[in-house]
Amino acid sequence: MKITIINTPGHTWVSISILHDDYIVVGDAIPDRTAILLRKLAKCVDEISAKSSLTRILRLRKSIVTGHDGVIRADKL
């Protein structure tokens, strides 16, 4: 099994996301569907980093395991 850990700061300075197969586990880097739809995250320590992390995550085109909304399939993004 191969996993990759990437830095996804913004929500906190030390936020990470974990890539595995067709999934990325993002936790509170993308807490819910609203963050994806509005392309905006609430309660960030750094809004610029948060937007950059959100863009980076979306460009991966993987199913997203959010912090509070479960899995958002890649074909629904």
N, C-alpha and C. Protein backbone atom coordinates (compact mmCIF):
# COMPACT_ATOMS: atom_id res chain seq x y z
N MET A 1 0.84 -1.16 0.00
CA MET A 1 0.00 0.00 0.00
C MET A 1 0.90 1.24 0.00
N LYS A 2 0.60 2.16 -0.92
CA LYS A 2 1.37 3.40 -0.98
C LYS A 2 0.48 4.58 -0.60
N ILE A 3 0.97 5.38 0.33
CA ILE A 3 0.30 6.63 0.67
C ILE A 3 1.31 7.76 0.48
N THR A 4 0.77 8.93 0.20
CA THR A 4 1.59 10.13 0.07
C THR A 4 1.00 11.21 0.95
N ILE A 5 1.82 11.86 1.72
CA ILE A 5 1.37 12.95 2.58
C ILE A 5 1.80 14.26 1.94
N ILE A 6 0.84 15.19 1.81
CA ILE A 6 1.15 16.51 1.26
C ILE A 6 0.74 17.58 2.26
N ASN A 7 1.48 18.66 2.26
CA ASN A 7 1.13 19.80 3.10
C ASN A 7 -0.02 20.55 2.47
N THR A 8 -1.04 20.83 3.27
CA THR A 8 -2.19 21.61 2.81
C THR A 8 -2.53 22.66 3.86
N PRO A 9 -1.62 23.60 4.10
CA PRO A 9 -1.85 24.61 5.13
C PRO A 9 -2.99 25.56 4.77
N GLY A 10 -3.45 26.24 5.79
CA GLY A 10 -4.51 27.22 5.61
C GLY A 10 -5.47 27.16 6.79
N HIS A 11 -6.10 25.99 6.96
CA HIS A 11 -6.97 25.82 8.13
C HIS A 11 -6.11 25.95 9.39
N THR A 12 -4.98 25.27 9.39
CA THR A 12 -3.94 25.45 10.39
C THR A 12 -2.62 25.51 9.63
N TRP A 13 -1.57 25.94 10.30
CA TRP A 13 -0.26 26.02 9.64
C TRP A 13 0.31 24.64 9.31
N VAL A 14 -0.12 23.63 10.05
CA VAL A 14 0.47 22.29 9.88
C VAL A 14 -0.51 21.28 9.29
N SER A 15 -1.55 21.75 8.62
CA SER A 15 -2.52 20.83 8.02
C SER A 15 -1.86 19.98 6.94
N ILE A 16 -2.23 18.71 6.91
CA ILE A 16 -1.74 17.79 5.88
C ILE A 16 -2.94 17.07 5.27
N SER A 17 -2.72 16.49 4.11
CA SER A 17 -3.69 15.62 3.47
C SER A 17 -2.97 14.35 3.06
N ILE A 18 -3.73 13.26 2.98
CA ILE A 18 -3.14 11.96 2.70
C ILE A 18 -3.74 11.40 1.41
N LEU A 19 -2.86 11.11 0.46
CA LEU A 19 -3.27 10.52 -0.82
C LEU A 19 -3.13 9.02 -0.76
N HIS A 20 -4.18 8.32 -1.23
CA HIS A 20 -4.14 6.86 -1.34
C HIS A 20 -5.05 6.45 -2.49
N ASP A 21 -4.50 5.81 -3.48
CA ASP A 21 -5.25 5.37 -4.66
C ASP A 21 -6.04 6.55 -5.25
N ASP A 22 -7.36 6.40 -5.33
CA ASP A 22 -8.20 7.44 -5.94
C ASP A 22 -8.79 8.40 -4.92
N TYR A 23 -8.23 8.41 -3.70
CA TYR A 23 -8.77 9.23 -2.62
C TYR A 23 -7.72 10.17 -2.05
N ILE A 24 -8.22 11.29 -1.54
CA ILE A 24 -7.39 12.18 -0.74
C ILE A 24 -8.17 12.48 0.54
N VAL A 25 -7.58 12.17 1.66
CA VAL A 25 -8.17 12.45 2.97
C VAL A 25 -7.68 13.83 3.38
N VAL A 26 -8.60 14.80 3.45
CA VAL A 26 -8.20 16.19 3.66
C VAL A 26 -8.56 16.73 5.04
N GLY A 27 -9.39 16.02 5.79
CA GLY A 27 -9.79 16.52 7.10
C GLY A 27 -10.39 17.91 6.98
N ASP A 28 -9.96 18.82 7.81
CA ASP A 28 -10.52 20.17 7.81
C ASP A 28 -9.90 21.10 6.77
N ALA A 29 -8.98 20.60 5.95
CA ALA A 29 -8.50 21.43 4.84
C ALA A 29 -9.67 21.75 3.92
N ILE A 30 -10.60 20.80 3.76
CA ILE A 30 -11.89 21.02 3.10
C ILE A 30 -12.93 20.37 4.00
N PRO A 31 -13.54 21.14 4.90
CA PRO A 31 -14.43 20.54 5.88
C PRO A 31 -15.74 19.99 5.32
N ASP A 32 -16.24 20.57 4.22
CA ASP A 32 -17.54 20.16 3.71
C ASP A 32 -17.74 20.56 2.25
N ARG A 33 -18.89 20.16 1.68
CA ARG A 33 -19.20 20.46 0.29
C ARG A 33 -19.27 21.96 0.01
N THR A 34 -19.75 22.71 0.97
CA THR A 34 -19.89 24.15 0.79
C THR A 34 -18.55 24.80 0.48
N ALA A 35 -17.51 24.36 1.12
CA ALA A 35 -16.18 24.90 0.87
C ALA A 35 -15.77 24.71 -0.59
N ILE A 36 -16.13 23.56 -1.16
CA ILE A 36 -15.81 23.29 -2.55
C ILE A 36 -16.66 24.15 -3.47
N LEU A 37 -17.96 24.22 -3.21
CA LEU A 37 -18.87 24.98 -4.07
C LEU A 37 -18.55 26.47 -4.07
N LEU A 38 -18.24 27.01 -2.89
CA LEU A 38 -17.96 28.45 -2.78
C LEU A 38 -16.49 28.79 -2.98
N ARG A 39 -15.64 27.73 -3.01
CA ARG A 39 -14.18 27.93 -3.12
C ARG A 39 -13.68 28.86 -2.01
N LYS A 40 -14.24 28.66 -0.83
CA LYS A 40 -13.87 29.49 0.31
C LYS A 40 -13.95 28.64 1.58
N LEU A 41 -12.98 28.81 2.45
CA LEU A 41 -12.92 28.06 3.69
C LEU A 41 -13.09 28.99 4.88
N ALA A 42 -13.82 28.54 5.86
CA ALA A 42 -14.02 29.33 7.07
C ALA A 42 -12.95 28.99 8.10
N LYS A 43 -12.72 29.90 9.01
CA LYS A 43 -11.82 29.67 10.15
C LYS A 43 -10.43 29.21 9.72
N CYS A 44 -9.76 30.04 8.96
CA CYS A 44 -8.41 29.72 8.49
C CYS A 44 -7.39 30.61 9.18
N VAL A 45 -6.22 30.06 9.42
CA VAL A 45 -5.14 30.88 9.95
C VAL A 45 -4.50 31.71 8.85
N ASP A 46 -4.67 31.25 7.59
CA ASP A 46 -4.09 31.96 6.45
C ASP A 46 -4.96 31.71 5.23
N GLU A 47 -5.75 32.70 4.84
CA GLU A 47 -6.70 32.54 3.75
C GLU A 47 -6.01 32.27 2.40
N ILE A 48 -4.88 32.90 2.16
CA ILE A 48 -4.16 32.68 0.90
C ILE A 48 -3.67 31.24 0.80
N SER A 49 -3.08 30.75 1.88
CA SER A 49 -2.63 29.34 1.89
C SER A 49 -3.80 28.39 1.77
N ALA A 50 -4.91 28.71 2.41
CA ALA A 50 -6.10 27.86 2.34
C ALA A 50 -6.61 27.76 0.91
N LYS A 51 -6.69 28.88 0.21
CA LYS A 51 -7.15 28.86 -1.18
C LYS A 51 -6.17 28.09 -2.06
N SER A 52 -4.90 28.25 -1.83
CA SER A 52 -3.88 27.52 -2.58
C SER A 52 -4.01 26.02 -2.34
N SER A 53 -4.22 25.62 -1.09
CA SER A 53 -4.38 24.20 -0.75
C SER A 53 -5.64 23.64 -1.39
N LEU A 54 -6.73 24.39 -1.35
CA LEU A 54 -7.98 23.96 -1.96
C LEU A 54 -7.79 23.73 -3.46
N THR A 55 -7.14 24.66 -4.13
CA THR A 55 -6.86 24.53 -5.56
C THR A 55 -6.00 23.30 -5.83
N ARG A 56 -4.97 23.13 -5.04
CA ARG A 56 -4.07 21.98 -5.20
C ARG A 56 -4.82 20.66 -5.05
N ILE A 57 -5.67 20.58 -4.05
CA ILE A 57 -6.45 19.36 -3.81
C ILE A 57 -7.39 19.09 -4.99
N LEU A 58 -8.09 20.10 -5.46
CA LEU A 58 -9.04 19.92 -6.55
C LEU A 58 -8.35 19.52 -7.86
N ARG A 59 -7.16 20.03 -8.08
CA ARG A 59 -6.42 19.69 -9.31
C ARG A 59 -6.01 18.22 -9.35
N LEU A 60 -5.96 17.57 -8.21
CA LEU A 60 -5.59 16.16 -8.17
C LEU A 60 -6.68 15.26 -8.76
N ARG A 61 -7.92 15.76 -8.83
CA ARG A 61 -9.05 15.03 -9.42
C ARG A 61 -9.27 13.67 -8.75
N LYS A 62 -9.21 13.67 -7.43
CA LYS A 62 -9.44 12.46 -6.65
C LYS A 62 -10.71 12.64 -5.81
N SER A 63 -11.29 11.55 -5.38
CA SER A 63 -12.40 11.63 -4.44
C SER A 63 -11.87 12.19 -3.14
N ILE A 64 -12.64 13.10 -2.54
CA ILE A 64 -12.19 13.83 -1.36
C ILE A 64 -12.92 13.34 -0.11
N VAL A 65 -12.15 12.95 0.89
CA VAL A 65 -12.71 12.59 2.19
C VAL A 65 -12.58 13.84 3.05
N THR A 66 -13.72 14.51 3.26
CA THR A 66 -13.73 15.78 3.99
C THR A 66 -13.71 15.57 5.49
N GLY A 67 -13.55 16.66 6.21
CA GLY A 67 -13.54 16.58 7.67
C GLY A 67 -14.90 16.34 8.29
N HIS A 68 -15.99 16.82 7.62
CA HIS A 68 -17.31 16.76 8.25
C HIS A 68 -18.41 16.25 7.34
N ASP A 69 -18.15 16.09 6.04
CA ASP A 69 -19.20 15.75 5.09
C ASP A 69 -19.00 14.40 4.42
N GLY A 70 -18.06 13.62 4.88
CA GLY A 70 -17.83 12.33 4.26
C GLY A 70 -17.10 12.44 2.93
N VAL A 71 -17.37 11.51 2.03
CA VAL A 71 -16.66 11.43 0.75
C VAL A 71 -17.41 12.19 -0.33
N ILE A 72 -16.67 12.98 -1.09
CA ILE A 72 -17.19 13.63 -2.27
C ILE A 72 -16.46 12.99 -3.45
N ARG A 73 -17.20 12.26 -4.27
CA ARG A 73 -16.59 11.53 -5.38
C ARG A 73 -16.01 12.48 -6.42
N ALA A 74 -14.92 12.08 -7.02
CA ALA A 74 -14.22 12.91 -8.00
C ALA A 74 -15.13 13.30 -9.16
N ASP A 75 -16.03 12.41 -9.57
CA ASP A 75 -16.91 12.72 -10.70
C ASP A 75 -18.03 13.71 -10.33
N LYS A 76 -18.11 14.09 -9.06
CA LYS A 76 -19.11 15.06 -8.60
C LYS A 76 -18.50 16.44 -8.33
N LEU A 77 -17.20 16.57 -8.55
CA LEU A 77 -16.53 17.84 -8.27
C LEU A 77 -16.72 18.83 -9.40
